[in-house]
């Protein structure tokens, strides 16, 4: 087993010897419980609240940075909207970089609705909480969907007079990254406060 403290010391010595080769924009590493951490600022690429993780991108690092919901708890959040700018301490893991602590969150550049608060507002419904009230899967068609805004609308093939709201998190939970107009799906629909709401979708 490799001693983490020894690894950290060696990493610090190498950083001094190879400073000329290091990324000049990357801040100095800091140690936390024997783990080398780097302070980065980046933008959320996406976050799946159902699966409990997402990824951010930063000009200060190569590759995506994993953001797990556990580091959001101290900020009273369960997810982050796409486009949110966060400052965090990052550790290098076997599979890549992972955020260990969130220092600050800036939502002014978010391009998707913010549904990340652990305590949702009274007029917002998490689609997954209505799974028990939804009907069986039925054929639907995509009327309109905007990935950046994080939502869109479906219509039933048998009756296209009523729009069915669908959120980006529901789409991702169904294993889909995006939806296109007239795309054929199957959906389970429940009644939300503002009308029909898709709580589960899957491709046909």
C-alpha atoms as a PDB file:
ATOM      1  CA  UNK A   1       0.000   0.000   0.000  1.00  0.00           C
ATOM      2  CA  UNK A   2       1.371   3.435  -0.931  1.00  0.00           C
ATOM      3  CA  UNK A   3       1.655   6.001   1.864  1.00  0.00           C
ATOM      4  CA  UNK A   4      -0.467   9.054   0.886  1.00  0.00           C
ATOM      5  CA  UNK A   5       1.728  11.397   2.925  1.00  0.00           C
ATOM      6  CA  UNK A   6       4.833  10.209   1.061  1.00  0.00           C
ATOM      7  CA  UNK A   7       3.043  10.644  -2.269  1.00  0.00           C
ATOM      8  CA  UNK A   8       2.080  14.191  -1.303  1.00  0.00           C
ATOM      9  CA  UNK A   9       5.655  15.053  -0.290  1.00  0.00           C
ATOM     10  CA  UNK A  10       7.043  13.623  -3.505  1.00  0.00           C
ATOM     11  CA  UNK A  11       4.436  15.511  -5.527  1.00  0.00           C
ATOM     12  CA  UNK A  12       5.474  18.767  -3.826  1.00  0.00           C
ATOM     13  CA  UNK A  13       9.179  18.138  -4.585  1.00  0.00           C
ATOM     14  CA  UNK A  14       8.405  17.339  -8.217  1.00  0.00           C
ATOM     15  CA  UNK A  15       6.318  20.518  -8.455  1.00  0.00           C
ATOM     16  CA  UNK A  16       9.334  22.569  -7.389  1.00  0.00           C
ATOM     17  CA  UNK A  17      11.683  20.775  -9.804  1.00  0.00           C
ATOM     18  CA  UNK A  18       9.314  20.922 -12.760  1.00  0.00           C
ATOM     19  CA  UNK A  19       7.691  24.338 -12.278  1.00  0.00           C
ATOM     20  CA  UNK A  20       8.611  25.386 -15.792  1.00  0.00           C
ATOM     21  CA  UNK A  21       6.568  22.533 -17.234  1.00  0.00           C
ATOM     22  CA  UNK A  22       3.512  23.115 -15.064  1.00  0.00           C
ATOM     23  CA  UNK A  23       0.405  24.922 -16.190  1.00  0.00           C
ATOM     24  CA  UNK A  24       1.027  28.540 -15.214  1.00  0.00           C
ATOM     25  CA  UNK A  25      -2.666  29.221 -14.694  1.00  0.00           C
ATOM     26  CA  UNK A  26      -3.147  26.430 -12.160  1.00  0.00           C
ATOM     27  CA  UNK A  27      -3.044  27.570  -8.515  1.00  0.00           C
ATOM     28  CA  UNK A  28      -0.698  25.869  -6.026  1.00  0.00           C
ATOM     29  CA  UNK A  29      -1.757  22.561  -4.519  1.00  0.00           C
ATOM     30  CA  UNK A  30      -2.964  22.400  -0.936  1.00  0.00           C
ATOM     31  CA  UNK A  31      -3.070  19.375   1.349  1.00  0.00           C
ATOM     32  CA  UNK A  32      -6.235  18.107   3.008  1.00  0.00           C
ATOM     33  CA  UNK A  33      -6.184  14.917   5.099  1.00  0.00           C
ATOM     34  CA  UNK A  34      -3.107  13.720   3.251  1.00  0.00           C
ATOM     35  CA  UNK A  35      -4.643  14.324  -0.174  1.00  0.00           C
ATOM     36  CA  UNK A  36      -3.204  16.850  -2.631  1.00  0.00           C
ATOM     37  CA  UNK A  37      -5.904  19.314  -3.680  1.00  0.00           C
ATOM     38  CA  UNK A  38      -5.894  21.966  -6.380  1.00  0.00           C
ATOM     39  CA  UNK A  39      -8.149  25.040  -6.459  1.00  0.00           C
ATOM     40  CA  UNK A  40     -10.006  25.329  -9.772  1.00  0.00           C
ATOM     41  CA  UNK A  41     -12.750  27.510 -11.196  1.00  0.00           C
ATOM     42  CA  UNK A  42     -14.978  25.959 -13.842  1.00  0.00           C
ATOM     43  CA  UNK A  43     -18.417  25.781 -15.447  1.00  0.00           C
ATOM     44  CA  UNK A  44     -20.961  23.018 -14.935  1.00  0.00           C
ATOM     45  CA  UNK A  45     -21.364  20.973 -18.100  1.00  0.00           C
ATOM     46  CA  UNK A  46     -24.309  18.982 -16.749  1.00  0.00           C
ATOM     47  CA  UNK A  47     -25.628  17.484 -13.522  1.00  0.00           C
ATOM     48  CA  UNK A  48     -28.024  14.565 -13.118  1.00  0.00           C
ATOM     49  CA  UNK A  49     -29.808  14.968  -9.774  1.00  0.00           C
ATOM     50  CA  UNK A  50     -31.260  11.462 -10.011  1.00  0.00           C
ATOM     51  CA  UNK A  51     -27.868   9.804 -10.345  1.00  0.00           C
ATOM     52  CA  UNK A  52     -26.316  12.284  -7.967  1.00  0.00           C
ATOM     53  CA  UNK A  53     -23.383  13.552  -9.984  1.00  0.00           C
ATOM     54  CA  UNK A  54     -22.314  15.735 -12.901  1.00  0.00           C
ATOM     55  CA  UNK A  55     -19.258  17.231 -14.562  1.00  0.00           C
ATOM     56  CA  UNK A  56     -17.681  20.650 -14.816  1.00  0.00           C
ATOM     57  CA  UNK A  57     -15.079  21.918 -17.278  1.00  0.00           C
ATOM     58  CA  UNK A  58     -12.215  24.281 -16.466  1.00  0.00           C
ATOM     59  CA  UNK A  59      -9.552  26.038 -18.509  1.00  0.00           C
ATOM     60  CA  UNK A  60      -7.191  25.198 -15.666  1.00  0.00           C
ATOM     61  CA  UNK A  61      -7.491  21.433 -16.103  1.00  0.00           C
ATOM     62  CA  UNK A  62      -7.459  18.807 -18.822  1.00  0.00           C
ATOM     63  CA  UNK A  63     -10.603  16.709 -18.974  1.00  0.00           C
ATOM     64  CA  UNK A  64     -13.881  16.967 -17.082  1.00  0.00           C
ATOM     65  CA  UNK A  65     -14.092  17.262 -13.295  1.00  0.00           C
ATOM     66  CA  UNK A  66     -16.544  14.987 -11.482  1.00  0.00           C
ATOM     67  CA  UNK A  67     -18.889  16.770  -9.060  1.00  0.00           C
ATOM     68  CA  UNK A  68     -20.725  14.445  -6.651  1.00  0.00           C
ATOM     69  CA  UNK A  69     -23.840  15.594  -4.804  1.00  0.00           C
ATOM     70  CA  UNK A  70     -22.157  14.896  -1.443  1.00  0.00           C
ATOM     71  CA  UNK A  71     -19.987  18.035  -1.814  1.00  0.00           C
ATOM     72  CA  UNK A  72     -23.116  20.157  -2.319  1.00  0.00           C
ATOM     73  CA  UNK A  73     -24.747  19.294   1.012  1.00  0.00           C
ATOM     74  CA  UNK A  74     -23.016  22.054   2.948  1.00  0.00           C
ATOM     75  CA  UNK A  75     -24.487  24.514   0.421  1.00  0.00           C
ATOM     76  CA  UNK A  76     -27.996  23.089   0.980  1.00  0.00           C
ATOM     77  CA  UNK A  77     -28.153  21.818  -2.588  1.00  0.00           C
ATOM     78  CA  UNK A  78     -28.743  18.505  -4.354  1.00  0.00           C
ATOM     79  CA  UNK A  79     -27.618  19.542  -7.849  1.00  0.00           C
ATOM     80  CA  UNK A  80     -26.217  22.412  -9.926  1.00  0.00           C
ATOM     81  CA  UNK A  81     -27.692  23.947 -13.089  1.00  0.00           C
ATOM     82  CA  UNK A  82     -25.829  23.801 -16.383  1.00  0.00           C
ATOM     83  CA  UNK A  83     -23.646  26.883 -16.823  1.00  0.00           C
ATOM     84  CA  UNK A  84     -23.162  27.549 -13.101  1.00  0.00           C
ATOM     85  CA  UNK A  85     -19.633  28.735 -12.298  1.00  0.00           C
ATOM     86  CA  UNK A  86     -18.081  27.070  -9.271  1.00  0.00           C
ATOM     87  CA  UNK A  87     -14.808  27.395  -7.421  1.00  0.00           C
ATOM     88  CA  UNK A  88     -13.684  24.168  -5.804  1.00  0.00           C
ATOM     89  CA  UNK A  89     -10.821  22.090  -4.438  1.00  0.00           C
ATOM     90  CA  UNK A  90     -10.097  19.157  -6.738  1.00  0.00           C
ATOM     91  CA  UNK A  91      -8.226  15.883  -6.234  1.00  0.00           C
ATOM     92  CA  UNK A  92      -6.792  13.616  -8.915  1.00  0.00           C
ATOM     93  CA  UNK A  93      -8.354  10.159  -8.715  1.00  0.00           C
ATOM     94  CA  UNK A  94      -7.663   6.956 -10.618  1.00  0.00           C
ATOM     95  CA  UNK A  95     -10.423   7.775 -13.119  1.00  0.00           C
ATOM     96  CA  UNK A  96      -9.737  11.508 -13.326  1.00  0.00           C
ATOM     97  CA  UNK A  97     -10.340  14.724 -11.406  1.00  0.00           C
ATOM     98  CA  UNK A  98     -13.002  14.976  -8.698  1.00  0.00           C
ATOM     99  CA  UNK A  99     -14.246  17.955  -6.680  1.00  0.00           C
ATOM    100  CA  UNK A 100     -13.617  17.466  -2.952  1.00  0.00           C
ATOM    101  CA  UNK A 101     -14.991  20.779  -1.648  1.00  0.00           C
ATOM    102  CA  UNK A 102     -17.091  23.539  -3.207  1.00  0.00           C
ATOM    103  CA  UNK A 103     -15.849  26.984  -2.184  1.00  0.00           C
ATOM    104  CA  UNK A 104     -18.322  29.193  -4.069  1.00  0.00           C
ATOM    105  CA  UNK A 105     -21.243  28.949  -6.510  1.00  0.00           C
ATOM    106  CA  UNK A 106     -22.160  31.622  -9.072  1.00  0.00           C
ATOM    107  CA  UNK A 107     -25.543  31.082 -10.765  1.00  0.00           C
ATOM    108  CA  UNK A 108     -25.517  34.316 -12.795  1.00  0.00           C
ATOM    109  CA  UNK A 109     -24.337  32.477 -15.932  1.00  0.00           C
ATOM    110  CA  UNK A 110     -26.568  29.394 -15.575  1.00  0.00           C
ATOM    111  CA  UNK A 111     -28.326  28.464 -18.821  1.00  0.00           C
ATOM    112  CA  UNK A 112     -30.762  25.956 -17.293  1.00  0.00           C
ATOM    113  CA  UNK A 113     -33.395  26.338 -14.562  1.00  0.00           C
ATOM    114  CA  UNK A 114     -31.993  26.048 -11.045  1.00  0.00           C
ATOM    115  CA  UNK A 115     -33.653  23.061  -9.379  1.00  0.00           C
ATOM    116  CA  UNK A 116     -30.733  22.386  -7.088  1.00  0.00           C
ATOM    117  CA  UNK A 117     -31.989  23.515  -3.690  1.00  0.00           C
ATOM    118  CA  UNK A 118     -32.559  20.652  -1.291  1.00  0.00           C
ATOM    119  CA  UNK A 119     -35.792  22.348  -0.213  1.00  0.00           C
ATOM    120  CA  UNK A 120     -37.780  22.961  -3.366  1.00  0.00           C
ATOM    121  CA  UNK A 121     -40.091  25.943  -3.602  1.00  0.00           C
ATOM    122  CA  UNK A 122     -43.810  25.343  -3.263  1.00  0.00           C
ATOM    123  CA  UNK A 123     -44.636  25.818  -6.954  1.00  0.00           C
ATOM    124  CA  UNK A 124     -41.934  23.471  -8.278  1.00  0.00           C
ATOM    125  CA  UNK A 125     -42.449  19.716  -8.499  1.00  0.00           C
ATOM    126  CA  UNK A 126     -39.720  17.130  -8.878  1.00  0.00           C
ATOM    127  CA  UNK A 127     -41.089  14.793 -11.608  1.00  0.00           C
ATOM    128  CA  UNK A 128     -39.615  11.722  -9.900  1.00  0.00           C
ATOM    129  CA  UNK A 129     -41.885  12.278  -6.874  1.00  0.00           C
ATOM    130  CA  UNK A 130     -44.947  11.690  -9.090  1.00  0.00           C
ATOM    131  CA  UNK A 131     -43.875   8.278 -10.416  1.00  0.00           C
ATOM    132  CA  UNK A 132     -46.448   6.557  -8.219  1.00  0.00           C
ATOM    133  CA  UNK A 133     -49.273   8.692  -9.677  1.00  0.00           C
ATOM    134  CA  UNK A 134     -48.285   8.333 -13.339  1.00  0.00           C
ATOM    135  CA  UNK A 135     -50.076   6.169 -15.859  1.00  0.00           C
ATOM    136  CA  UNK A 136     -48.578   3.425 -17.986  1.00  0.00           C
ATOM    137  CA  UNK A 137     -46.161   4.150 -20.814  1.00  0.00           C
ATOM    138  CA  UNK A 138     -47.916   5.613 -23.865  1.00  0.00           C
ATOM    139  CA  UNK A 139     -46.692   6.774 -27.291  1.00  0.00           C
ATOM    140  CA  UNK A 140     -45.769  10.468 -27.497  1.00  0.00           C
ATOM    141  CA  UNK A 141     -44.006  12.799 -29.901  1.00  0.00           C
ATOM    142  CA  UNK A 142     -41.578  15.644 -29.161  1.00  0.00           C
ATOM    143  CA  UNK A 143     -43.200  18.988 -29.954  1.00  0.00           C
ATOM    144  CA  UNK A 144     -40.345  21.233 -28.811  1.00  0.00           C
ATOM    145  CA  UNK A 145     -37.284  20.879 -26.610  1.00  0.00           C
ATOM    146  CA  UNK A 146     -34.496  23.286 -25.636  1.00  0.00           C
ATOM    147  CA  UNK A 147     -31.540  21.603 -23.966  1.00  0.00           C
ATOM    148  CA  UNK A 148     -30.048  24.910 -22.805  1.00  0.00           C
ATOM    149  CA  UNK A 149     -33.258  25.960 -21.086  1.00  0.00           C
ATOM    150  CA  UNK A 150     -33.577  22.466 -19.661  1.00  0.00           C
ATOM    151  CA  UNK A 151     -37.140  21.636 -20.670  1.00  0.00           C
ATOM    152  CA  UNK A 152     -39.581  21.106 -23.530  1.00  0.00           C
ATOM    153  CA  UNK A 153     -42.976  19.709 -24.450  1.00  0.00           C
ATOM    154  CA  UNK A 154     -44.367  16.434 -25.729  1.00  0.00           C
ATOM    155  CA  UNK A 155     -47.767  15.621 -27.222  1.00  0.00           C
ATOM    156  CA  UNK A 156     -49.738  12.400 -27.327  1.00  0.00           C
ATOM    157  CA  UNK A 157     -49.965  10.806 -30.747  1.00  0.00           C
ATOM    158  CA  UNK A 158     -53.655  10.209 -30.189  1.00  0.00           C
ATOM    159  CA  UNK A 159     -54.351  13.814 -29.128  1.00  0.00           C
ATOM    160  CA  UNK A 160     -51.878  16.641 -29.799  1.00  0.00           C
ATOM    161  CA  UNK A 161     -54.111  19.379 -28.381  1.00  0.00           C
ATOM    162  CA  UNK A 162     -52.513  19.295 -24.926  1.00  0.00           C
ATOM    163  CA  UNK A 163     -48.819  19.894 -24.232  1.00  0.00           C
ATOM    164  CA  UNK A 164     -46.968  17.630 -21.810  1.00  0.00           C
ATOM    165  CA  UNK A 165     -44.096  19.301 -19.968  1.00  0.00           C
ATOM    166  CA  UNK A 166     -40.801  17.376 -19.805  1.00  0.00           C
ATOM    167  CA  UNK A 167     -37.711  18.403 -17.827  1.00  0.00           C
ATOM    168  CA  UNK A 168     -34.093  17.762 -18.817  1.00  0.00           C
ATOM    169  CA  UNK A 169     -33.519  15.622 -15.719  1.00  0.00           C
ATOM    170  CA  UNK A 170     -36.365  13.316 -16.788  1.00  0.00           C
ATOM    171  CA  UNK A 171     -34.813  13.038 -20.251  1.00  0.00           C
ATOM    172  CA  UNK A 172     -31.395  12.165 -18.819  1.00  0.00           C
ATOM    173  CA  UNK A 173     -32.953   9.668 -16.421  1.00  0.00           C
ATOM    174  CA  UNK A 174     -34.310   7.913 -19.503  1.00  0.00           C
ATOM    175  CA  UNK A 175     -30.796   7.595 -20.926  1.00  0.00           C
ATOM    176  CA  UNK A 176     -31.200  10.390 -23.490  1.00  0.00           C
ATOM    177  CA  UNK A 177     -28.955  13.445 -23.958  1.00  0.00           C
ATOM    178  CA  UNK A 178     -31.294  15.596 -26.039  1.00  0.00           C
ATOM    179  CA  UNK A 179     -34.624  15.525 -27.881  1.00  0.00           C
ATOM    180  CA  UNK A 180     -35.461  16.632 -31.410  1.00  0.00           C
ATOM    181  CA  UNK A 181     -38.812  17.790 -32.839  1.00  0.00           C
ATOM    182  CA  UNK A 182     -41.073  14.924 -33.981  1.00  0.00           C
ATOM    183  CA  UNK A 183     -38.887  12.342 -32.216  1.00  0.00           C
ATOM    184  CA  UNK A 184     -41.009   9.368 -31.134  1.00  0.00           C
ATOM    185  CA  UNK A 185     -40.908   8.343 -27.481  1.00  0.00           C
ATOM    186  CA  UNK A 186     -42.856   6.494 -24.841  1.00  0.00           C
ATOM    187  CA  UNK A 187     -43.722   8.388 -21.691  1.00  0.00           C
ATOM    188  CA  UNK A 188     -45.469   8.008 -18.372  1.00  0.00           C
ATOM    189  CA  UNK A 189     -47.539  11.089 -17.639  1.00  0.00           C
ATOM    190  CA  UNK A 190     -48.799  12.477 -14.333  1.00  0.00           C
ATOM    191  CA  UNK A 191     -50.818  15.572 -13.487  1.00  0.00           C
ATOM    192  CA  UNK A 192     -48.716  18.434 -12.100  1.00  0.00           C
ATOM    193  CA  UNK A 193     -49.868  21.759 -10.679  1.00  0.00           C
ATOM    194  CA  UNK A 194     -49.670  23.347 -14.115  1.00  0.00           C
ATOM    195  CA  UNK A 195     -50.903  20.438 -16.231  1.00  0.00           C
ATOM    196  CA  UNK A 196     -49.610  17.148 -17.672  1.00  0.00           C
ATOM    197  CA  UNK A 197     -46.036  16.318 -16.728  1.00  0.00           C
ATOM    198  CA  UNK A 198     -43.822  13.550 -18.113  1.00  0.00           C
ATOM    199  CA  UNK A 199     -42.203  11.717 -15.181  1.00  0.00           C
ATOM    200  CA  UNK A 200     -40.478   9.015 -17.198  1.00  0.00           C
ATOM    201  CA  UNK A 201     -39.491   8.792 -20.867  1.00  0.00           C
ATOM    202  CA  UNK A 202     -37.791   6.198 -23.033  1.00  0.00           C
ATOM    203  CA  UNK A 203     -37.020   5.855 -26.762  1.00  0.00           C
ATOM    204  CA  UNK A 204     -39.269   3.854 -29.071  1.00  0.00           C
END
